[in-house]
Protein backbone atom coordinates (compact mmCIF):
# COMPACT_ATOMS: atom_id res chain seq x y z
CA UNK A 1 151.14 99.86 110.65
CA UNK A 2 154.10 101.84 110.95
CA UNK A 3 158.02 101.23 110.52
CA UNK A 4 160.72 103.08 112.15
CA UNK A 5 164.07 102.62 110.49
CA UNK A 6 167.04 103.13 112.91
CA UNK A 7 170.78 102.75 113.48
CA UNK A 8 171.22 100.58 117.21
CA UNK A 9 174.92 100.54 118.73
CA UNK A 10 175.95 98.73 121.91
CA UNK A 11 178.35 101.17 123.97
CA UNK A 12 181.17 99.11 124.13
CA UNK A 13 179.84 96.05 124.43
CA UNK A 14 177.93 93.80 121.62
CA UNK A 15 173.87 92.88 121.62
CA UNK A 16 175.24 89.17 123.17
CA UNK A 17 178.59 88.47 124.37
CA UNK A 18 178.90 86.10 121.05
CA UNK A 19 177.77 89.07 118.94
CA UNK A 20 180.81 91.17 120.81
CA UNK A 21 183.33 88.88 119.87
CA UNK A 22 182.49 88.40 116.30
CA UNK A 23 181.99 92.09 115.92
CA UNK A 24 185.30 93.27 117.58
CA UNK A 25 187.42 90.21 114.98
CA UNK A 26 189.35 91.88 112.11
CA UNK A 27 188.84 88.65 110.41
CA UNK A 28 185.76 87.99 110.77
CA UNK A 29 182.58 90.42 109.15
CA UNK A 30 179.22 90.23 110.08
CA UNK A 31 177.42 90.61 107.09
CA UNK A 32 173.89 90.56 108.31
CA UNK A 33 171.29 89.17 110.74
CA UNK A 34 168.59 86.79 108.80
CA UNK A 35 166.80 85.32 111.92
CA UNK A 36 166.34 86.40 115.68
CA UNK A 37 164.25 85.34 118.67
CA UNK A 38 163.76 84.13 122.28
CA UNK A 39 163.05 80.41 123.00
CA UNK A 40 160.33 79.89 125.40
CA UNK A 41 163.59 78.59 127.66
CA UNK A 42 164.75 81.61 127.87
CA UNK A 43 167.98 81.03 125.11
CA UNK A 44 168.23 83.13 122.40
CA UNK A 45 168.87 82.00 118.65
CA UNK A 46 170.33 84.04 115.99
CA UNK A 47 170.97 83.39 112.32
CA UNK A 48 173.72 85.51 111.01
CA UNK A 49 175.61 85.76 107.15
CA UNK A 50 179.16 86.09 107.98
CA UNK A 51 182.39 86.20 105.86
CA UNK A 52 185.65 85.09 107.22
CA UNK A 53 186.93 80.98 107.88
CA UNK A 54 185.02 78.50 109.50
CA UNK A 55 187.87 77.74 111.60
CA UNK A 56 188.07 81.25 112.58
CA UNK A 57 184.34 81.66 113.67
CA UNK A 58 184.37 78.92 115.87
CA UNK A 59 187.59 79.97 117.25
CA UNK A 60 185.88 83.15 118.49
CA UNK A 61 182.58 81.83 119.96
CA UNK A 62 184.29 78.51 121.53
CA UNK A 63 186.05 81.25 123.91
CA UNK A 64 182.53 82.52 124.94
CA UNK A 65 180.82 80.37 127.76
CA UNK A 66 177.02 81.63 126.98
CA UNK A 67 177.21 80.18 123.53
CA UNK A 68 175.84 77.04 123.93
CA UNK A 69 175.40 75.69 119.96
CA UNK A 70 177.33 77.02 116.56
CA UNK A 71 176.33 75.35 113.30
CA UNK A 72 178.36 76.51 110.23
CA UNK A 73 177.09 76.23 106.68
CA UNK A 74 178.79 77.75 103.88
CA UNK A 75 177.01 79.86 100.98
CA UNK A 76 177.97 81.99 98.02
CA UNK A 77 180.43 84.75 99.28
CA UNK A 78 180.35 84.03 103.45
CA UNK A 79 178.74 81.42 105.80
CA UNK A 80 175.57 81.31 107.50
CA UNK A 81 176.07 80.71 111.15
CA UNK A 82 173.42 79.35 113.54
CA UNK A 83 174.11 80.03 116.97
CA UNK A 84 172.16 79.08 120.30
CA UNK A 85 173.24 81.65 123.24
CA UNK A 86 172.11 82.48 126.71
CA UNK A 87 169.76 85.38 126.15
CA UNK A 88 170.56 87.63 129.06
CA UNK A 89 171.57 91.60 129.89
CA UNK A 90 171.30 93.42 127.22
CA UNK A 91 170.23 91.07 124.69
CA UNK A 92 167.58 89.84 127.07
CA UNK A 93 166.50 93.70 127.89
CA UNK A 94 165.58 93.79 123.85
CA UNK A 95 163.58 90.66 123.91
CA UNK A 96 161.46 92.38 126.26
CA UNK A 97 160.90 95.30 124.74
CA UNK A 98 159.94 94.04 121.55
CA UNK A 99 157.53 91.69 123.13
CA UNK A 100 156.02 94.42 125.29
CA UNK A 101 155.17 96.95 122.92
CA UNK A 102 154.15 94.13 120.32
CA UNK A 103 156.89 94.96 117.78
CA UNK A 104 158.39 93.16 115.04
CA UNK A 105 161.62 93.33 113.32
CA UNK A 106 162.07 93.22 109.80
CA UNK A 107 164.37 90.70 108.34
CA UNK A 108 167.50 90.75 107.40
CA UNK A 109 168.67 93.34 109.74
CA UNK A 110 172.15 94.96 108.08
CA UNK A 111 175.33 94.81 110.07
CA UNK A 112 177.30 97.84 110.12
CA UNK A 113 180.67 99.07 111.35
CA UNK A 114 181.48 99.22 115.24
CA UNK A 115 178.88 96.63 116.40
CA UNK A 116 176.02 97.83 115.32
CA UNK A 117 173.01 97.15 113.10
CA UNK A 118 170.58 98.68 111.07
CA UNK A 119 167.08 97.34 111.88
CA UNK A 120 163.52 98.06 110.67
CA UNK A 121 160.63 97.95 113.60
CA UNK A 122 156.90 97.32 112.80
CA UNK A 123 154.16 98.25 115.19
CA UNK A 124 151.62 100.82 116.41
CA UNK A 125 152.98 104.36 116.10
CA UNK A 126 152.48 105.11 119.82
CA UNK A 127 153.86 101.71 120.84
CA UNK A 128 157.18 102.49 118.79
CA UNK A 129 157.73 105.87 120.32
CA UNK A 130 157.22 104.38 123.73
CA UNK A 131 159.75 101.06 123.15
CA UNK A 132 162.22 104.03 122.17
CA UNK A 133 162.26 105.73 124.89
CA UNK A 134 162.40 102.98 127.40
CA UNK A 135 165.74 101.83 125.23
CA UNK A 136 168.61 100.57 127.50
CA UNK A 137 171.31 103.31 128.35
CA UNK A 138 174.05 100.46 126.94
CA UNK A 139 172.95 101.24 123.12
CA UNK A 140 172.73 104.53 121.20
CA UNK A 141 170.02 105.06 118.50
CA UNK A 142 170.10 107.01 115.93
CA UNK A 143 166.37 107.75 114.17
CA UNK A 144 166.56 107.15 110.25
CA UNK A 145 163.01 107.19 109.10
CA UNK A 146 159.54 107.01 110.75
CA UNK A 147 156.80 106.21 107.94
CA UNK A 148 153.71 103.87 107.13
CA UNK A 149 154.95 100.28 106.47
CA UNK A 150 156.38 99.88 102.72
CA UNK A 151 156.56 95.70 102.48
CA UNK A 152 159.31 93.73 102.43
CA UNK A 153 162.31 94.98 100.78
CA UNK A 154 162.12 91.95 98.24
CA UNK A 155 163.26 92.07 94.41
CA UNK A 156 160.42 90.29 93.38
CA UNK A 157 162.37 90.02 89.39
CA UNK A 158 164.78 87.79 91.49
CA UNK A 159 162.18 85.34 92.80
CA UNK A 160 160.32 82.61 90.42
CA UNK A 161 156.43 82.78 90.56
CA UNK A 162 156.32 80.12 92.67
CA UNK A 163 158.98 81.83 95.21
CA UNK A 164 156.94 84.56 95.49
CA UNK A 165 153.58 82.79 96.12
CA UNK A 166 155.48 80.57 98.73
CA UNK A 167 157.46 84.06 101.03
CA UNK A 168 154.04 85.36 100.57
CA UNK A 169 152.15 82.63 102.25
CA UNK A 170 154.79 82.44 104.58
CA UNK A 171 154.35 86.49 105.72
CA UNK A 172 150.80 86.14 105.76
CA UNK A 173 150.83 83.04 108.16
CA UNK A 174 153.35 84.97 110.58
CA UNK A 175 156.24 82.50 110.05
CA UNK A 176 158.70 85.54 110.20
CA UNK A 177 157.13 87.02 113.17
CA UNK A 178 158.47 87.32 116.49
CA UNK A 179 157.47 85.15 118.45
CA UNK A 180 156.91 82.54 115.11
CA UNK A 181 153.13 81.87 114.50
CA UNK A 182 153.77 79.55 112.41
CA UNK A 183 155.51 76.23 111.42
CA UNK A 184 156.73 74.55 107.87
CA UNK A 185 154.64 71.85 108.80
CA UNK A 186 151.25 74.37 108.59
CA UNK A 187 152.90 75.90 105.69
CA UNK A 188 153.09 73.06 103.71
CA UNK A 189 149.84 71.90 104.57
CA UNK A 190 148.33 74.77 103.60
CA UNK A 191 149.91 75.34 100.27
CA UNK A 192 149.91 71.39 99.79
CA UNK A 193 153.43 70.19 99.46
CA UNK A 194 155.73 68.38 101.35
CA UNK A 195 157.88 69.71 104.92
CA UNK A 196 161.24 68.98 103.02
CA UNK A 197 159.49 71.25 100.04
CA UNK A 198 158.59 74.07 101.92
CA UNK A 199 162.15 73.97 103.72
CA UNK A 200 163.85 74.18 100.44
CA UNK A 201 161.85 77.32 98.93
CA UNK A 202 162.52 78.95 102.07
CA UNK A 203 166.12 78.26 101.70
CA UNK A 204 166.53 79.50 98.74
CA UNK A 205 164.62 82.37 98.97
CA UNK A 206 166.44 83.61 101.96
CA UNK A 207 169.64 83.11 100.14
CA UNK A 208 168.31 85.37 97.37
CA UNK A 209 166.68 87.90 99.49
CA UNK A 210 169.86 88.43 101.62
CA UNK A 211 172.12 88.63 98.88
CA UNK A 212 169.81 91.33 96.92
CA UNK A 213 170.04 93.13 100.43
CA UNK A 214 173.04 92.77 100.26
CA UNK A 215 174.51 94.43 97.30
CA UNK A 216 172.01 97.14 98.01
CA UNK A 217 174.07 97.98 101.48
CA UNK A 218 177.43 97.15 101.11
């Protein structure tokens, strides 16, 4: 399996209207995209790590008619913000490319200035190159690295032995795939623990991973 690391910048727009509002505001900072996928009904869902205030985040997204749901949870040094939005336009084109060329995104995705992101895509080498070739004109791509897949960027030292076991099981089962290939309930059954326990473990693991990642890139 090959990996491609590249900077993706929308040319004057966001990846979706809500993203554009967040990226263009002086009071809110996009830190990372922790999860992103398209639902069967065509809607998109994204989990951001943001810095700012809940009032400002809500005010920005309330102005955007394509945003259906916003849910904000306070975490250390920021907020995790769940957004459900209409995945049309550029967002839909990018989802189509991921599906057509069987590509996975390695999360979290680092957000950079000017509305861009630094993303690592995984898949077959020929399909990765084909996907880049059909990238929409509305985005600018800057290739940083192409090579063999090196595994998830996790600092094992920051996770307990049990957390490492759970995240490994989740990755191998396709829980972080796009589309997702298993559920928390199925993971719980495989690990012989309750669904609530799996959810709590994954929440803590994802929080540790995003903070480790942020410390390296910010």
